[in-house]
Amino acid sequence: MIDFRNARVQEALIGRPACDPLTRSERAAYEGRRIVITGAGGSVGSELARTIAACDPERIVLIEQSEYALFHIERELTARWPALCVVPVLGDITRPRIVRTACTAALPDVVFHAAAYKHVTMLERDVCTGVHANVFGTLNIVEAAKSVGARFVLISSDKAVNPRSVMGATKRLAEMVTLAQMDGDFEPVVVRFGNVLGSSGSVLELMADCLATLKPIPITHPDATRYFMTVGEAATLVLRADLLRLGGEVCWLDMGRPIRIVDIVSRLLDLAKAAGRPPVPVSFIGLRPGEKLDEQLTLKGMDLARTDHARVWIAHQKPVDGDLVYRTVRALRADVSRGDGLSALNNLCAAVTDYEPSDLARQAAGGATLQAPWSSRDHASQFVA
């Protein structure tokens, strides 16, 4: 059996070594600190919690809407670090009172916002849900962090660059909402990265399921590439971006060169063969609505600047138009409250001007009932790469 959580296995799959763990001085920066993490039961959120817990903070507040996920990460942290004050908060970030109460009670030094809806094809069918969680939820937590004087780090996505999906567009607007809060006393930071290997619902999880059930592994396109990093890398580099104190900036994490999905599959099949697992075929299913052949972390021609860490870069962008952001948020609140997906999609396009919605997103927003052309193929309706 292959242990996909093993760091060496993950390094073999991405074809490069992962980044070094936090240094002693980096760990010391979180010692005695109060930390809030949203989406704390998710892959990145829970790894952030583990990494910070090892730094001996004063307390960690875990905000998570999944009771099951929250139970497991609280149990793990309290078992591994019994002296640590762990505060579980079962709640949804789209409810302002929950995040305000959590931040007011904790008075955190740093808030890491990892909660989001991330599955491209699901959000293509429901723009209002994507806006509600990814945009309004971000606004709630960034305002709560600002009100208590905490640093704020938004976990963003490569799909926010030149977005072709509802997910990407809502994450880009979440970035804009975050940066619009900036003033002399509050300087949030946005951190972009690509796919996290082994995260829940990730390509690796689905491939592993195909190996276990001896079903064909679906790949969208033979030339499709993605950026990949291990979950440990993601957490470590997010913390390093925070420690650089790059307030008001959009950072992107150097994930190495993009990797072809077929190369990941080939390496996975080699590992499976070495472990005595029978081979399975590969099935090319075609790109789905909202998906790109290649992902980008920066816009073409964007000015990139180095930082004091070799794997954390700054992507200089045009200043965010705060008035536009707040007009858009007000309009979207009205759209979501009445379930008007088409108006929400139009308002999203008006704010995120480089967003080009797919036909599926437009039809679904208009209330069309659709049968996905790939739904009859093995696992194709779930594949996220």
Protein backbone atom coordinates (compact mmCIF):
# COMPACT_ATOMS: atom_id res chain seq x y z
CA MET A 1 0.00 0.00 0.00
CA ILE A 2 1.35 3.43 -0.93
CA ASP A 3 1.34 6.06 1.84
CA PHE A 4 0.51 9.20 -0.10
CA ARG A 5 0.96 11.34 3.00
CA ASN A 6 4.63 10.35 3.14
CA ALA A 7 6.83 13.30 2.21
CA ARG A 8 9.23 11.16 0.15
CA VAL A 9 6.36 9.66 -1.83
CA GLN A 10 5.03 13.15 -2.56
CA GLU A 11 8.49 14.35 -3.59
CA ALA A 12 8.76 11.39 -5.96
CA LEU A 13 5.46 12.33 -7.57
CA ILE A 14 6.30 16.01 -8.09
CA GLY A 15 9.84 15.17 -9.20
CA ARG A 16 11.69 17.54 -6.88
CA PRO A 17 12.61 17.92 -3.19
CA ALA A 18 10.23 19.82 -0.94
CA CYS A 19 11.34 23.01 0.79
CA ASP A 20 13.17 22.90 4.10
CA PRO A 21 11.12 23.05 7.32
CA LEU A 22 10.94 26.20 9.42
CA THR A 23 14.17 27.26 11.07
CA ARG A 24 14.51 27.75 14.79
CA SER A 25 14.27 31.54 14.43
CA GLU A 26 11.18 31.21 12.22
CA ARG A 27 9.50 28.96 14.79
CA ALA A 28 10.39 31.43 17.53
CA ALA A 29 8.40 34.13 15.73
CA TYR A 30 5.18 32.25 16.54
CA GLU A 31 6.13 31.29 20.07
CA GLY A 32 3.62 32.66 22.58
CA ARG A 33 1.41 34.07 19.79
CA ARG A 34 -2.34 33.81 19.38
CA ILE A 35 -3.41 32.45 16.01
CA VAL A 36 -6.77 32.08 14.24
CA ILE A 37 -7.12 29.70 11.29
CA THR A 38 -10.25 29.46 9.16
CA GLY A 39 -10.89 26.29 7.22
CA ALA A 40 -8.82 24.66 9.96
CA GLY A 41 -10.07 21.17 9.19
CA GLY A 42 -9.06 21.34 5.53
CA SER A 43 -5.81 20.14 4.07
CA VAL A 44 -3.91 23.44 4.15
CA GLY A 45 -5.66 24.77 7.26
CA SER A 46 -4.94 21.66 9.30
CA GLU A 47 -1.30 21.57 8.17
CA LEU A 48 -0.94 25.23 9.14
CA ALA A 49 -2.35 24.32 12.54
CA ARG A 50 0.14 21.46 12.97
CA THR A 51 3.10 23.55 11.85
CA ILE A 52 2.20 26.46 14.12
CA ALA A 53 1.40 24.15 17.06
CA ALA A 54 4.99 22.90 16.89
CA CYS A 55 6.15 26.52 17.39
CA ASP A 56 4.70 26.68 20.94
CA PRO A 57 2.07 29.43 20.43
CA GLU A 58 -0.13 30.63 23.27
CA ARG A 59 -3.31 29.42 21.58
CA ILE A 60 -4.74 28.37 18.26
CA VAL A 61 -8.37 29.07 17.37
CA LEU A 62 -9.71 26.65 14.77
CA ILE A 63 -12.71 27.88 12.76
CA GLU A 64 -14.30 25.12 10.70
CA GLN A 65 -17.83 24.41 9.43
CA SER A 66 -17.34 20.63 9.20
CA GLU A 67 -17.97 19.05 12.60
CA TYR A 68 -16.12 15.90 11.56
CA ALA A 69 -13.04 17.74 10.32
CA LEU A 70 -12.95 20.02 13.36
CA PHE A 71 -13.23 17.05 15.73
CA HIS A 72 -10.24 15.35 14.14
CA ILE A 73 -7.87 18.32 14.01
CA GLU A 74 -8.72 19.37 17.59
CA ARG A 75 -8.17 15.82 18.78
CA GLU A 76 -4.85 15.56 16.96
CA LEU A 77 -3.50 18.86 18.26
CA THR A 78 -4.48 18.24 21.87
CA ALA A 79 -2.97 14.75 21.76
CA ARG A 80 0.34 15.87 20.24
CA TRP A 81 0.65 19.15 22.15
CA PRO A 82 -1.27 18.68 25.44
CA ALA A 83 -0.06 21.99 26.90
CA LEU A 84 -1.35 23.98 23.93
CA CYS A 85 -4.60 25.93 24.26
CA VAL A 86 -6.72 24.78 21.32
CA VAL A 87 -10.07 26.54 20.83
CA PRO A 88 -12.41 24.84 18.33
CA VAL A 89 -15.10 27.04 16.77
CA LEU A 90 -17.75 25.15 14.84
CA GLY A 91 -19.14 27.68 12.43
CA ASP A 92 -19.44 29.12 8.96
CA ILE A 93 -17.34 32.15 7.97
CA THR A 94 -20.32 33.52 6.03
CA ARG A 95 -21.93 34.29 9.41
CA PRO A 96 -20.29 37.54 10.56
CA ARG A 97 -21.11 37.15 14.23
CA ILE A 98 -19.23 33.87 14.47
CA VAL A 99 -15.95 35.26 13.14
CA ARG A 100 -16.32 38.55 15.03
CA THR A 101 -16.89 36.71 18.30
CA ALA A 102 -13.97 34.36 17.70
CA CYS A 103 -11.56 37.20 16.89
CA THR A 104 -12.75 39.43 19.72
CA ALA A 105 -12.34 36.61 22.24
CA ALA A 106 -8.95 35.46 20.94
CA LEU A 107 -7.38 38.85 20.11
CA PRO A 108 -5.13 37.07 17.61
CA ASP A 109 -1.75 38.24 16.41
CA VAL A 110 -2.36 36.61 13.02
CA VAL A 111 -5.41 35.33 11.14
CA PHE A 112 -4.81 32.79 8.38
CA HIS A 113 -7.83 32.56 6.09
CA ALA A 114 -7.83 29.17 4.36
CA ALA A 115 -11.59 28.52 4.21
CA ALA A 116 -13.04 28.50 0.68
CA TYR A 117 -14.96 26.49 -1.87
CA LYS A 118 -12.36 25.27 -4.33
CA HIS A 119 -13.86 22.72 -6.73
CA VAL A 120 -14.05 24.25 -10.18
CA THR A 121 -16.85 22.21 -11.74
CA MET A 122 -19.13 22.49 -8.71
CA LEU A 123 -18.92 26.25 -8.61
CA GLU A 124 -19.43 26.51 -12.37
CA ARG A 125 -22.99 25.39 -11.62
CA ASP A 126 -23.60 27.70 -8.66
CA VAL A 127 -22.12 31.18 -8.85
CA CYS A 128 -24.20 32.45 -5.91
CA THR A 129 -22.76 29.82 -3.57
CA GLY A 130 -19.24 30.60 -4.74
CA VAL A 131 -19.73 34.33 -4.17
CA HIS A 132 -21.34 33.76 -0.78
CA ALA A 133 -18.49 31.62 0.58
CA ASN A 134 -15.41 32.95 -1.18
CA VAL A 135 -16.23 36.66 -1.33
CA PHE A 136 -18.62 37.41 1.54
CA GLY A 137 -16.84 34.93 3.82
CA THR A 138 -13.50 36.59 3.11
CA LEU A 139 -14.95 40.04 3.76
CA ASN A 140 -16.33 38.88 7.12
CA ILE A 141 -13.06 37.46 8.34
CA VAL A 142 -10.83 40.26 7.04
CA GLU A 143 -13.05 42.87 8.71
CA ALA A 144 -12.96 40.88 11.96
CA ALA A 145 -9.17 40.64 11.81
CA LYS A 146 -8.87 44.36 11.11
CA SER A 147 -11.14 45.25 14.01
CA VAL A 148 -8.79 43.57 16.50
CA GLY A 149 -5.54 44.69 14.88
CA ALA A 150 -4.42 41.26 13.72
CA ARG A 151 -2.25 40.55 10.72
CA PHE A 152 -4.24 38.90 7.96
CA VAL A 153 -3.06 36.33 5.42
CA LEU A 154 -5.41 35.24 2.64
CA ILE A 155 -4.72 31.85 1.10
CA SER A 156 -5.50 32.36 -2.59
CA SER A 157 -5.08 30.30 -5.75
CA ASP A 158 -3.37 30.27 -9.12
CA LYS A 159 -6.89 30.07 -10.55
CA ALA A 160 -7.40 33.72 -9.54
CA VAL A 161 -5.03 34.73 -12.35
CA ASN A 162 -6.74 35.29 -15.71
CA PRO A 163 -9.70 33.38 -14.26
CA ARG A 164 -11.71 31.10 -16.49
CA SER A 165 -13.91 29.68 -13.77
CA VAL A 166 -16.34 30.91 -11.14
CA MET A 167 -13.97 29.55 -8.54
CA GLY A 168 -11.06 31.57 -9.93
CA ALA A 169 -13.10 34.75 -10.33
CA THR A 170 -14.48 34.57 -6.78
CA LYS A 171 -10.98 33.99 -5.42
CA ARG A 172 -9.70 37.00 -7.38
CA LEU A 173 -12.53 39.13 -6.00
CA ALA A 174 -11.67 37.80 -2.54
CA GLU A 175 -8.13 39.09 -3.10
CA MET A 176 -9.53 42.48 -4.11
CA VAL A 177 -11.84 42.58 -1.08
CA THR A 178 -8.85 41.84 1.14
CA LEU A 179 -6.55 44.44 -0.38
CA ALA A 180 -9.30 47.08 -0.35
CA GLN A 181 -9.16 46.94 3.47
CA MET A 182 -5.57 48.12 3.52
CA ASP A 183 -4.68 51.32 5.34
CA GLY A 184 -1.73 52.59 7.32
CA ASP A 185 -2.46 50.34 10.29
CA PHE A 186 -3.74 47.27 8.48
CA GLU A 187 -1.73 45.69 5.69
CA PRO A 188 -3.06 42.26 4.71
CA VAL A 189 -1.14 39.91 2.46
CA VAL A 190 -2.41 37.59 -0.27
CA VAL A 191 -0.57 34.33 -0.96
CA ARG A 192 -1.16 32.47 -4.22
CA PHE A 193 -0.17 28.92 -5.01
CA GLY A 194 -1.40 26.02 -7.10
CA ASN A 195 -2.48 22.47 -6.41
CA VAL A 196 -1.59 20.86 -3.10
CA LEU A 197 -0.68 17.23 -3.59
CA GLY A 198 -2.84 14.93 -1.51
CA SER A 199 -5.36 17.55 -0.40
CA SER A 200 -8.99 16.52 0.00
CA GLY A 201 -10.62 16.01 -3.38
CA SER A 202 -7.29 16.50 -5.11
CA VAL A 203 -6.09 14.80 -8.25
CA LEU A 204 -3.92 12.44 -6.20
CA GLU A 205 -6.83 11.31 -4.05
CA LEU A 206 -8.87 10.50 -7.14
CA MET A 207 -5.99 8.70 -8.81
CA ALA A 208 -5.42 6.63 -5.68
CA ASP A 209 -9.10 5.70 -5.65
CA CYS A 210 -8.80 4.51 -9.26
CA LEU A 211 -5.79 2.37 -8.33
CA ALA A 212 -7.69 0.83 -5.43
CA THR A 213 -10.78 0.06 -7.51
CA LEU A 214 -8.87 -0.85 -10.70
CA LYS A 215 -10.71 1.77 -12.72
CA PRO A 216 -9.19 3.92 -15.49
CA ILE A 217 -7.47 7.10 -14.32
CA PRO A 218 -9.18 10.08 -16.02
CA ILE A 219 -6.96 12.87 -17.35
CA THR A 220 -8.44 15.97 -18.89
CA HIS A 221 -5.83 16.46 -21.63
CA PRO A 222 -2.45 14.89 -22.49
CA ASP A 223 -0.76 18.32 -22.40
CA ALA A 224 -2.51 19.68 -19.30
CA THR A 225 -0.06 21.05 -16.74
CA ARG A 226 -0.46 22.18 -13.16
CA TYR A 227 1.72 23.58 -10.40
CA PHE A 228 2.05 21.16 -7.49
CA MET A 229 3.44 21.37 -4.01
CA THR A 230 3.18 19.20 -0.92
CA VAL A 231 0.86 20.26 1.87
CA GLY A 232 3.87 20.67 4.15
CA GLU A 233 5.46 23.04 1.66
CA ALA A 234 2.25 25.03 1.36
CA ALA A 235 2.02 25.58 5.12
CA THR A 236 5.71 26.36 5.55
CA LEU A 237 5.86 28.88 2.70
CA VAL A 238 2.63 30.59 3.78
CA LEU A 239 4.19 31.13 7.20
CA ARG A 240 7.37 32.42 5.62
CA ALA A 241 5.35 34.86 3.52
CA ASP A 242 3.72 36.12 6.73
CA LEU A 243 7.08 36.49 8.46
CA LEU A 244 8.40 38.62 5.60
CA ARG A 245 5.81 41.25 6.62
CA LEU A 246 4.90 42.04 3.01
CA GLY A 247 1.70 43.83 3.91
CA GLY A 248 -0.52 44.96 1.07
CA GLU A 249 1.17 42.70 -1.45
CA VAL A 250 0.17 39.72 -3.57
CA CYS A 251 2.75 37.01 -3.04
CA TRP A 252 3.18 33.86 -5.02
CA LEU A 253 5.01 30.79 -3.95
CA ASP A 254 7.63 29.28 -6.21
CA MET A 255 6.30 25.79 -6.90
CA GLY A 256 8.94 24.86 -9.41
CA ARG A 257 8.07 24.17 -13.02
CA PRO A 258 4.53 23.19 -14.01
CA ILE A 259 4.11 19.42 -14.18
CA ARG A 260 2.17 17.53 -16.80
CA ILE A 261 -0.65 15.53 -15.25
CA VAL A 262 0.37 12.54 -17.35
CA ASP A 263 3.82 12.64 -15.73
CA ILE A 264 2.24 12.53 -12.26
CA VAL A 265 0.21 9.52 -13.36
CA SER A 266 3.28 7.80 -14.81
CA ARG A 267 5.20 8.22 -11.57
CA LEU A 268 2.20 7.06 -9.58
CA LEU A 269 1.90 3.91 -11.69
CA ASP A 270 5.61 3.23 -11.19
CA LEU A 271 5.16 3.48 -7.42
CA ALA A 272 2.11 1.24 -7.60
CA LYS A 273 4.01 -1.35 -9.63
CA ALA A 274 6.85 -1.34 -7.10
CA ALA A 275 4.27 -1.88 -4.35
CA GLY A 276 2.83 -4.87 -6.21
CA ARG A 277 -0.34 -3.15 -7.37
CA PRO A 278 -1.80 -4.13 -10.76
CA PRO A 279 -1.66 -1.47 -13.51
CA VAL A 280 -4.73 0.51 -14.58
CA PRO A 281 -5.37 2.27 -17.89
CA VAL A 282 -5.53 6.02 -18.49
CA SER A 283 -8.56 7.72 -20.05
CA PHE A 284 -8.41 11.19 -21.63
CA ILE A 285 -11.72 12.95 -21.00
CA GLY A 286 -11.12 16.47 -22.34
CA LEU A 287 -11.02 19.82 -20.59
CA ARG A 288 -14.23 20.70 -18.80
CA PRO A 289 -15.95 24.09 -18.60
CA GLY A 290 -13.93 26.59 -16.59
CA GLU A 291 -10.69 24.62 -16.83
CA LYS A 292 -7.41 25.80 -18.35
CA LEU A 293 -4.83 23.75 -20.19
CA ASP A 294 -2.15 25.49 -18.12
CA GLU A 295 -2.35 27.38 -14.84
CA GLN A 296 -0.69 30.73 -14.16
CA LEU A 297 0.38 32.37 -10.93
CA THR A 298 0.97 35.78 -12.46
CA LEU A 299 -0.34 37.81 -15.34
CA LYS A 300 1.68 38.10 -18.51
CA GLY A 301 4.05 41.03 -18.26
CA MET A 302 3.49 41.47 -14.52
CA ASP A 303 6.46 42.85 -12.62
CA LEU A 304 7.79 40.19 -10.25
CA ALA A 305 10.08 41.11 -7.42
CA ARG A 306 12.26 38.94 -5.24
CA THR A 307 11.92 38.89 -1.48
CA ASP A 308 14.32 37.81 1.24
CA HIS A 309 13.17 34.24 0.66
CA ALA A 310 14.01 32.58 -2.65
CA ARG A 311 10.65 30.83 -2.96
CA VAL A 312 8.40 33.76 -2.08
CA TRP A 313 7.91 36.41 -4.76
CA ILE A 314 5.90 39.63 -4.97
CA ALA A 315 3.61 40.14 -7.95
CA HIS A 316 3.09 43.88 -8.40
CA GLN A 317 -0.42 44.69 -9.62
CA LYS A 318 -2.53 47.74 -10.22
CA PRO A 319 -3.96 49.25 -7.02
CA VAL A 320 -7.37 47.91 -6.10
CA ASP A 321 -10.27 50.29 -6.71
CA GLY A 322 -11.95 50.21 -3.30
CA ASP A 323 -15.08 51.99 -4.49
CA LEU A 324 -15.54 49.44 -7.28
CA VAL A 325 -15.03 46.57 -4.85
CA TYR A 326 -17.66 47.81 -2.41
CA ARG A 327 -20.15 48.65 -5.15
CA THR A 328 -19.68 45.14 -6.47
CA VAL A 329 -20.12 43.57 -3.04
CA ARG A 330 -23.36 45.50 -2.47
CA ALA A 331 -24.68 44.44 -5.86
CA LEU A 332 -23.67 40.82 -5.28
CA ARG A 333 -25.38 40.77 -1.88
CA ALA A 334 -28.62 41.73 -3.59
CA ASP A 335 -28.05 39.12 -6.30
CA VAL A 336 -27.35 36.32 -3.84
CA SER A 337 -30.24 37.24 -1.57
CA ARG A 338 -32.70 36.77 -4.42
CA GLY A 339 -30.82 33.88 -6.03
CA ASP A 340 -30.15 35.76 -9.26
CA GLY A 341 -27.18 33.82 -10.64
CA LEU A 342 -27.07 35.61 -13.99
CA SER A 343 -26.88 39.05 -12.39
CA ALA A 344 -24.25 37.77 -9.95
CA LEU A 345 -22.19 36.44 -12.85
CA ASN A 346 -22.45 39.76 -14.68
CA ASN A 347 -21.41 41.72 -11.59
CA LEU A 348 -18.51 39.35 -11.04
CA CYS A 349 -17.37 39.98 -14.63
CA ALA A 350 -17.65 43.74 -14.15
CA ALA A 351 -15.29 43.65 -11.16
CA VAL A 352 -12.89 40.95 -12.36
CA THR A 353 -12.44 42.35 -15.87
CA ASP A 354 -10.23 39.55 -17.20
CA TYR A 355 -12.75 36.86 -16.24
CA GLU A 356 -14.35 35.03 -19.16
CA PRO A 357 -17.21 32.79 -17.97
CA SER A 358 -17.71 29.40 -19.57
CA ASP A 359 -20.91 28.56 -21.42
CA LEU A 360 -21.76 26.19 -18.58
CA ALA A 361 -21.47 28.97 -16.01
CA ARG A 362 -23.69 31.28 -18.07
CA GLN A 363 -26.30 28.60 -18.70
CA ALA A 364 -26.33 27.44 -15.07
CA ALA A 365 -26.55 31.03 -13.83
CA GLY A 366 -29.51 31.53 -16.13
CA GLY A 367 -31.31 28.60 -14.55
CA ALA A 368 -30.75 25.98 -17.28
CA THR A 369 -30.87 22.32 -16.32
CA LEU A 370 -27.80 20.70 -17.82
CA GLN A 371 -26.57 17.16 -18.31
CA ALA A 372 -22.78 17.20 -18.32
CA PRO A 373 -21.43 15.43 -21.40
CA TRP A 374 -18.78 13.65 -19.33
CA SER A 375 -21.10 12.40 -16.57
CA SER A 376 -21.25 8.86 -17.87
CA ARG A 377 -17.49 8.42 -17.90
CA ASP A 378 -15.62 6.82 -15.02
CA HIS A 379 -14.99 9.42 -12.27
CA ALA A 380 -14.89 12.20 -14.85
CA SER A 381 -17.49 14.33 -13.10
CA GLN A 382 -15.25 14.45 -10.00
CA PHE A 383 -11.84 14.96 -11.57
CA VAL A 384 -10.27 18.29 -10.57
CA ALA A 385 -7.02 18.52 -12.51
